[in-house]
């Protein structure tokens, strides 16, 4: 039900013409340029582009907020993210030393330094990057980060790229009116399940 209502909401925006033309096939950088140049009013993006947007359009007055939610919902909101991780190979000759390095990198002080240098959010929940104390946009983003939860349903799944593509193909048919909501979801589910049998 939640998936259906979210999809119907997006279709309503699409049908009303308030989603930028070509948005579903644009590269990420193209979406950032559309926003930076004032051709779209909202985008889902990462911290990585805050300074770029400011450099490209210093006059652009923009803010950061959590993702939209159903009216009346006041719980934590998911944050889409691109995952990256630190790990140690099972066949490493120096596992103990490698894990010590991981522990060092993830310690609160070091993780604070690393996230500050990278203009990124920390992996350690006890770390607060320096930039959130000196920049109100980064501070707002950090508040959203702290009150929400990371959500990327595709992380760690086999053939994640295929899963996203198969969903998008069915979604496009639905947007174009060539498929019903029920058929779209059933076809996407069937395509996905073939990867897990």
C-alpha atoms as a PDB file:
ATOM      1  CA  UNK A   1       0.000   0.000   0.000  1.00  0.00           C
ATOM      2  CA  UNK A   2       2.807   2.451   0.865  1.00  0.00           C
ATOM      3  CA  UNK A   3       4.599   1.671  -2.397  1.00  0.00           C
ATOM      4  CA  UNK A   4       1.395   2.081  -4.402  1.00  0.00           C
ATOM      5  CA  UNK A   5       0.549   5.438  -2.837  1.00  0.00           C
ATOM      6  CA  UNK A   6       4.102   6.749  -3.362  1.00  0.00           C
ATOM      7  CA  UNK A   7       4.045   5.674  -7.015  1.00  0.00           C
ATOM      8  CA  UNK A   8       0.610   7.234  -7.522  1.00  0.00           C
ATOM      9  CA  UNK A   9       1.885  10.473  -5.959  1.00  0.00           C
ATOM     10  CA  UNK A  10       4.844  10.603  -8.352  1.00  0.00           C
ATOM     11  CA  UNK A  11       2.569   9.828 -11.312  1.00  0.00           C
ATOM     12  CA  UNK A  12       0.288  12.682 -10.239  1.00  0.00           C
ATOM     13  CA  UNK A  13       3.254  15.062 -10.236  1.00  0.00           C
ATOM     14  CA  UNK A  14       4.344  13.721 -13.624  1.00  0.00           C
ATOM     15  CA  UNK A  15       0.857  14.089 -15.128  1.00  0.00           C
ATOM     16  CA  UNK A  16       0.602  17.637 -13.742  1.00  0.00           C
ATOM     17  CA  UNK A  17       3.826  18.526 -15.563  1.00  0.00           C
ATOM     18  CA  UNK A  18       5.693  19.566 -12.422  1.00  0.00           C
ATOM     19  CA  UNK A  19       8.532  17.063 -12.837  1.00  0.00           C
ATOM     20  CA  UNK A  20      11.288  18.399 -15.086  1.00  0.00           C
ATOM     21  CA  UNK A  21      11.061  17.006 -18.618  1.00  0.00           C
ATOM     22  CA  UNK A  22      13.532  14.163 -19.023  1.00  0.00           C
ATOM     23  CA  UNK A  23      14.164  13.905 -15.267  1.00  0.00           C
ATOM     24  CA  UNK A  24      13.850  10.130 -15.266  1.00  0.00           C
ATOM     25  CA  UNK A  25      16.655   9.712 -17.777  1.00  0.00           C
ATOM     26  CA  UNK A  26      18.959  12.569 -16.746  1.00  0.00           C
ATOM     27  CA  UNK A  27      22.381  11.949 -15.327  1.00  0.00           C
ATOM     28  CA  UNK A  28      22.876  13.198 -11.781  1.00  0.00           C
ATOM     29  CA  UNK A  29      25.003  16.137 -12.933  1.00  0.00           C
ATOM     30  CA  UNK A  30      22.260  17.235 -15.344  1.00  0.00           C
ATOM     31  CA  UNK A  31      19.752  17.289 -12.475  1.00  0.00           C
ATOM     32  CA  UNK A  32      22.113  19.413 -10.385  1.00  0.00           C
ATOM     33  CA  UNK A  33      22.520  21.864 -13.288  1.00  0.00           C
ATOM     34  CA  UNK A  34      18.739  22.134 -13.722  1.00  0.00           C
ATOM     35  CA  UNK A  35      18.377  23.007 -10.033  1.00  0.00           C
ATOM     36  CA  UNK A  36      21.382  25.340  -9.950  1.00  0.00           C
ATOM     37  CA  UNK A  37      20.037  27.291 -12.918  1.00  0.00           C
ATOM     38  CA  UNK A  38      16.603  27.653 -11.318  1.00  0.00           C
ATOM     39  CA  UNK A  39      14.742  25.444 -13.777  1.00  0.00           C
ATOM     40  CA  UNK A  40      13.488  23.074 -11.054  1.00  0.00           C
ATOM     41  CA  UNK A  41      12.376  23.896  -7.539  1.00  0.00           C
ATOM     42  CA  UNK A  42      13.396  20.746  -5.687  1.00  0.00           C
ATOM     43  CA  UNK A  43      15.789  17.864  -6.045  1.00  0.00           C
ATOM     44  CA  UNK A  44      17.014  14.950  -3.978  1.00  0.00           C
ATOM     45  CA  UNK A  45      20.769  15.294  -3.739  1.00  0.00           C
ATOM     46  CA  UNK A  46      23.863  14.746  -1.637  1.00  0.00           C
ATOM     47  CA  UNK A  47      26.117  17.039   0.360  1.00  0.00           C
ATOM     48  CA  UNK A  48      28.675  16.770  -2.389  1.00  0.00           C
ATOM     49  CA  UNK A  49      26.900  19.419  -4.453  1.00  0.00           C
ATOM     50  CA  UNK A  50      26.212  22.148  -1.878  1.00  0.00           C
ATOM     51  CA  UNK A  51      29.446  24.017  -2.566  1.00  0.00           C
ATOM     52  CA  UNK A  52      29.173  23.413  -6.323  1.00  0.00           C
ATOM     53  CA  UNK A  53      25.671  24.922  -6.361  1.00  0.00           C
ATOM     54  CA  UNK A  54      26.921  27.933  -4.406  1.00  0.00           C
ATOM     55  CA  UNK A  55      29.855  28.428  -6.787  1.00  0.00           C
ATOM     56  CA  UNK A  56      27.739  28.113  -9.927  1.00  0.00           C
ATOM     57  CA  UNK A  57      24.899  30.324  -8.709  1.00  0.00           C
ATOM     58  CA  UNK A  58      25.817  32.471  -5.682  1.00  0.00           C
ATOM     59  CA  UNK A  59      22.440  34.236  -5.881  1.00  0.00           C
ATOM     60  CA  UNK A  60      20.421  31.013  -5.529  1.00  0.00           C
ATOM     61  CA  UNK A  61      18.571  30.984  -2.224  1.00  0.00           C
ATOM     62  CA  UNK A  62      18.017  27.335  -1.296  1.00  0.00           C
ATOM     63  CA  UNK A  63      17.445  25.254   1.801  1.00  0.00           C
ATOM     64  CA  UNK A  64      17.769  21.642   2.879  1.00  0.00           C
ATOM     65  CA  UNK A  65      14.979  19.561   4.365  1.00  0.00           C
ATOM     66  CA  UNK A  66      13.958  15.957   4.880  1.00  0.00           C
ATOM     67  CA  UNK A  67      12.260  14.084   2.062  1.00  0.00           C
ATOM     68  CA  UNK A  68       8.523  14.717   1.744  1.00  0.00           C
ATOM     69  CA  UNK A  69       6.311  12.334   3.697  1.00  0.00           C
ATOM     70  CA  UNK A  70       2.642  11.458   3.836  1.00  0.00           C
ATOM     71  CA  UNK A  71       0.538  14.124   5.520  1.00  0.00           C
ATOM     72  CA  UNK A  72       0.405  13.498   9.259  1.00  0.00           C
ATOM     73  CA  UNK A  73       3.527  11.316   9.363  1.00  0.00           C
ATOM     74  CA  UNK A  74       5.930  12.501  12.046  1.00  0.00           C
ATOM     75  CA  UNK A  75       8.329   9.570  12.393  1.00  0.00           C
ATOM     76  CA  UNK A  76      11.909   9.305  11.181  1.00  0.00           C
ATOM     77  CA  UNK A  77      12.429   9.638   7.435  1.00  0.00           C
ATOM     78  CA  UNK A  78      14.732   7.636   5.258  1.00  0.00           C
ATOM     79  CA  UNK A  79      17.746   9.201   3.610  1.00  0.00           C
ATOM     80  CA  UNK A  80      18.845   7.779   0.280  1.00  0.00           C
ATOM     81  CA  UNK A  81      22.567   7.263   0.162  1.00  0.00           C
ATOM     82  CA  UNK A  82      25.325   5.853  -1.970  1.00  0.00           C
ATOM     83  CA  UNK A  83      27.004   3.235   0.118  1.00  0.00           C
ATOM     84  CA  UNK A  84      30.687   2.738   0.501  1.00  0.00           C
ATOM     85  CA  UNK A  85      32.336   0.706   3.141  1.00  0.00           C
ATOM     86  CA  UNK A  86      35.524  -0.409   4.746  1.00  0.00           C
ATOM     87  CA  UNK A  87      36.234  -4.086   5.093  1.00  0.00           C
ATOM     88  CA  UNK A  88      38.965  -6.649   5.410  1.00  0.00           C
ATOM     89  CA  UNK A  89      39.340  -9.460   2.904  1.00  0.00           C
ATOM     90  CA  UNK A  90      38.880 -12.932   4.329  1.00  0.00           C
ATOM     91  CA  UNK A  91      42.142 -14.069   2.744  1.00  0.00           C
ATOM     92  CA  UNK A  92      44.177 -11.099   4.023  1.00  0.00           C
ATOM     93  CA  UNK A  93      47.480 -12.099   5.584  1.00  0.00           C
ATOM     94  CA  UNK A  94      47.187  -9.213   8.042  1.00  0.00           C
ATOM     95  CA  UNK A  95      43.586  -9.287   9.225  1.00  0.00           C
ATOM     96  CA  UNK A  96      44.339  -8.230  12.777  1.00  0.00           C
ATOM     97  CA  UNK A  97      46.349  -5.213  11.649  1.00  0.00           C
ATOM     98  CA  UNK A  98      43.748  -4.318   9.035  1.00  0.00           C
ATOM     99  CA  UNK A  99      40.969  -4.371  11.621  1.00  0.00           C
ATOM    100  CA  UNK A 100      43.063  -2.108  13.848  1.00  0.00           C
ATOM    101  CA  UNK A 101      43.246   0.369  10.958  1.00  0.00           C
ATOM    102  CA  UNK A 102      39.463   0.157  10.482  1.00  0.00           C
ATOM    103  CA  UNK A 103      38.920   0.742  14.209  1.00  0.00           C
ATOM    104  CA  UNK A 104      41.277   3.732  14.045  1.00  0.00           C
ATOM    105  CA  UNK A 105      39.486   5.246  11.032  1.00  0.00           C
ATOM    106  CA  UNK A 106      36.089   4.753  12.664  1.00  0.00           C
ATOM    107  CA  UNK A 107      37.092   6.149  16.081  1.00  0.00           C
ATOM    108  CA  UNK A 108      35.137   9.292  16.975  1.00  0.00           C
ATOM    109  CA  UNK A 109      38.032  11.767  16.729  1.00  0.00           C
ATOM    110  CA  UNK A 110      39.513  10.414  13.501  1.00  0.00           C
ATOM    111  CA  UNK A 111      36.095   9.948  11.893  1.00  0.00           C
ATOM    112  CA  UNK A 112      35.286  13.568  12.750  1.00  0.00           C
ATOM    113  CA  UNK A 113      38.492  14.683  11.026  1.00  0.00           C
ATOM    114  CA  UNK A 114      37.913  12.488   7.968  1.00  0.00           C
ATOM    115  CA  UNK A 115      34.294  13.557   7.517  1.00  0.00           C
ATOM    116  CA  UNK A 116      35.286  17.213   7.949  1.00  0.00           C
ATOM    117  CA  UNK A 117      37.969  16.945   5.260  1.00  0.00           C
ATOM    118  CA  UNK A 118      35.603  15.111   2.900  1.00  0.00           C
ATOM    119  CA  UNK A 119      32.560  17.346   3.560  1.00  0.00           C
ATOM    120  CA  UNK A 120      30.671  14.147   4.244  1.00  0.00           C
ATOM    121  CA  UNK A 121      28.704  12.673   7.089  1.00  0.00           C
ATOM    122  CA  UNK A 122      30.602  10.440   9.495  1.00  0.00           C
ATOM    123  CA  UNK A 123      30.286   6.702   9.885  1.00  0.00           C
ATOM    124  CA  UNK A 124      30.628   7.005  13.665  1.00  0.00           C
ATOM    125  CA  UNK A 125      27.438   8.212  15.362  1.00  0.00           C
ATOM    126  CA  UNK A 126      29.524  10.033  17.979  1.00  0.00           C
ATOM    127  CA  UNK A 127      31.316  12.154  15.371  1.00  0.00           C
ATOM    128  CA  UNK A 128      30.269  15.645  14.342  1.00  0.00           C
ATOM    129  CA  UNK A 129      32.081  17.172  11.364  1.00  0.00           C
ATOM    130  CA  UNK A 130      33.484  20.681  11.850  1.00  0.00           C
ATOM    131  CA  UNK A 131      31.580  22.111   8.890  1.00  0.00           C
ATOM    132  CA  UNK A 132      28.164  21.658  10.535  1.00  0.00           C
ATOM    133  CA  UNK A 133      29.116  24.213  13.179  1.00  0.00           C
ATOM    134  CA  UNK A 134      30.100  26.930  10.703  1.00  0.00           C
ATOM    135  CA  UNK A 135      27.637  26.508   7.834  1.00  0.00           C
ATOM    136  CA  UNK A 136      23.869  26.629   8.257  1.00  0.00           C
ATOM    137  CA  UNK A 137      23.090  24.510   5.173  1.00  0.00           C
ATOM    138  CA  UNK A 138      25.435  21.750   6.282  1.00  0.00           C
ATOM    139  CA  UNK A 139      24.006  22.070   9.811  1.00  0.00           C
ATOM    140  CA  UNK A 140      20.466  21.617   8.463  1.00  0.00           C
ATOM    141  CA  UNK A 141      21.573  18.604   6.443  1.00  0.00           C
ATOM    142  CA  UNK A 142      23.284  17.112   9.496  1.00  0.00           C
ATOM    143  CA  UNK A 143      20.089  17.540  11.520  1.00  0.00           C
ATOM    144  CA  UNK A 144      18.138  15.667   8.831  1.00  0.00           C
ATOM    145  CA  UNK A 145      20.857  12.995   8.908  1.00  0.00           C
ATOM    146  CA  UNK A 146      20.700  12.649  12.697  1.00  0.00           C
ATOM    147  CA  UNK A 147      16.906  12.489  12.907  1.00  0.00           C
ATOM    148  CA  UNK A 148      16.443  10.123   9.968  1.00  0.00           C
ATOM    149  CA  UNK A 149      17.836   6.770   8.950  1.00  0.00           C
ATOM    150  CA  UNK A 150      19.893   5.629   5.985  1.00  0.00           C
ATOM    151  CA  UNK A 151      17.817   3.778   3.417  1.00  0.00           C
ATOM    152  CA  UNK A 152      19.041   2.205   0.209  1.00  0.00           C
ATOM    153  CA  UNK A 153      17.047  -0.906  -0.473  1.00  0.00           C
ATOM    154  CA  UNK A 154      19.413  -1.980  -3.235  1.00  0.00           C
ATOM    155  CA  UNK A 155      22.623  -1.996  -1.196  1.00  0.00           C
ATOM    156  CA  UNK A 156      24.028  -5.489  -0.921  1.00  0.00           C
ATOM    157  CA  UNK A 157      21.489  -7.090  -3.220  1.00  0.00           C
ATOM    158  CA  UNK A 158      22.680  -9.290  -6.053  1.00  0.00           C
ATOM    159  CA  UNK A 159      22.388  -7.646  -9.475  1.00  0.00           C
ATOM    160  CA  UNK A 160      21.262  -4.343  -7.918  1.00  0.00           C
ATOM    161  CA  UNK A 161      21.715  -2.530 -11.240  1.00  0.00           C
ATOM    162  CA  UNK A 162      19.367  -4.991 -12.948  1.00  0.00           C
ATOM    163  CA  UNK A 163      16.780  -4.593 -10.196  1.00  0.00           C
ATOM    164  CA  UNK A 164      16.783  -0.810 -10.575  1.00  0.00           C
ATOM    165  CA  UNK A 165      16.649  -1.003 -14.373  1.00  0.00           C
ATOM    166  CA  UNK A 166      13.769  -3.512 -14.362  1.00  0.00           C
ATOM    167  CA  UNK A 167      11.795  -1.326 -11.967  1.00  0.00           C
ATOM    168  CA  UNK A 168      12.489   1.787 -14.045  1.00  0.00           C
ATOM    169  CA  UNK A 169      11.421   0.106 -17.289  1.00  0.00           C
ATOM    170  CA  UNK A 170       8.057  -0.862 -15.810  1.00  0.00           C
ATOM    171  CA  UNK A 171       7.731   2.545 -14.152  1.00  0.00           C
ATOM    172  CA  UNK A 172       8.212   4.306 -17.492  1.00  0.00           C
ATOM    173  CA  UNK A 173       5.433   2.226 -19.054  1.00  0.00           C
ATOM    174  CA  UNK A 174       3.158   3.226 -16.169  1.00  0.00           C
ATOM    175  CA  UNK A 175       4.058   6.918 -16.489  1.00  0.00           C
ATOM    176  CA  UNK A 176       3.351   6.838 -20.220  1.00  0.00           C
ATOM    177  CA  UNK A 177      -0.073   5.255 -19.630  1.00  0.00           C
ATOM    178  CA  UNK A 178       0.918   1.945 -21.244  1.00  0.00           C
ATOM    179  CA  UNK A 179       0.494  -0.029 -18.016  1.00  0.00           C
ATOM    180  CA  UNK A 180      -1.753   0.063 -14.964  1.00  0.00           C
ATOM    181  CA  UNK A 181      -0.334   0.523 -11.479  1.00  0.00           C
ATOM    182  CA  UNK A 182      -1.203  -3.073 -10.636  1.00  0.00           C
ATOM    183  CA  UNK A 183       0.473  -4.443 -13.779  1.00  0.00           C
ATOM    184  CA  UNK A 184       3.532  -2.249 -13.259  1.00  0.00           C
ATOM    185  CA  UNK A 185       4.063  -3.490  -9.703  1.00  0.00           C
ATOM    186  CA  UNK A 186       3.285  -7.124 -10.569  1.00  0.00           C
ATOM    187  CA  UNK A 187       5.665  -7.106 -13.553  1.00  0.00           C
ATOM    188  CA  UNK A 188       8.454  -5.457 -11.564  1.00  0.00           C
ATOM    189  CA  UNK A 189       7.964  -7.943  -8.725  1.00  0.00           C
ATOM    190  CA  UNK A 190       8.033 -10.894 -11.130  1.00  0.00           C
ATOM    191  CA  UNK A 191      11.230  -9.628 -12.769  1.00  0.00           C
ATOM    192  CA  UNK A 192      12.842  -9.140  -9.370  1.00  0.00           C
ATOM    193  CA  UNK A 193      11.841 -12.535  -8.033  1.00  0.00           C
ATOM    194  CA  UNK A 194      13.574 -14.235 -10.962  1.00  0.00           C
ATOM    195  CA  UNK A 195      16.881 -13.093  -9.430  1.00  0.00           C
ATOM    196  CA  UNK A 196      16.137 -14.685  -6.068  1.00  0.00           C
ATOM    197  CA  UNK A 197      14.943 -18.140  -7.096  1.00  0.00           C
END
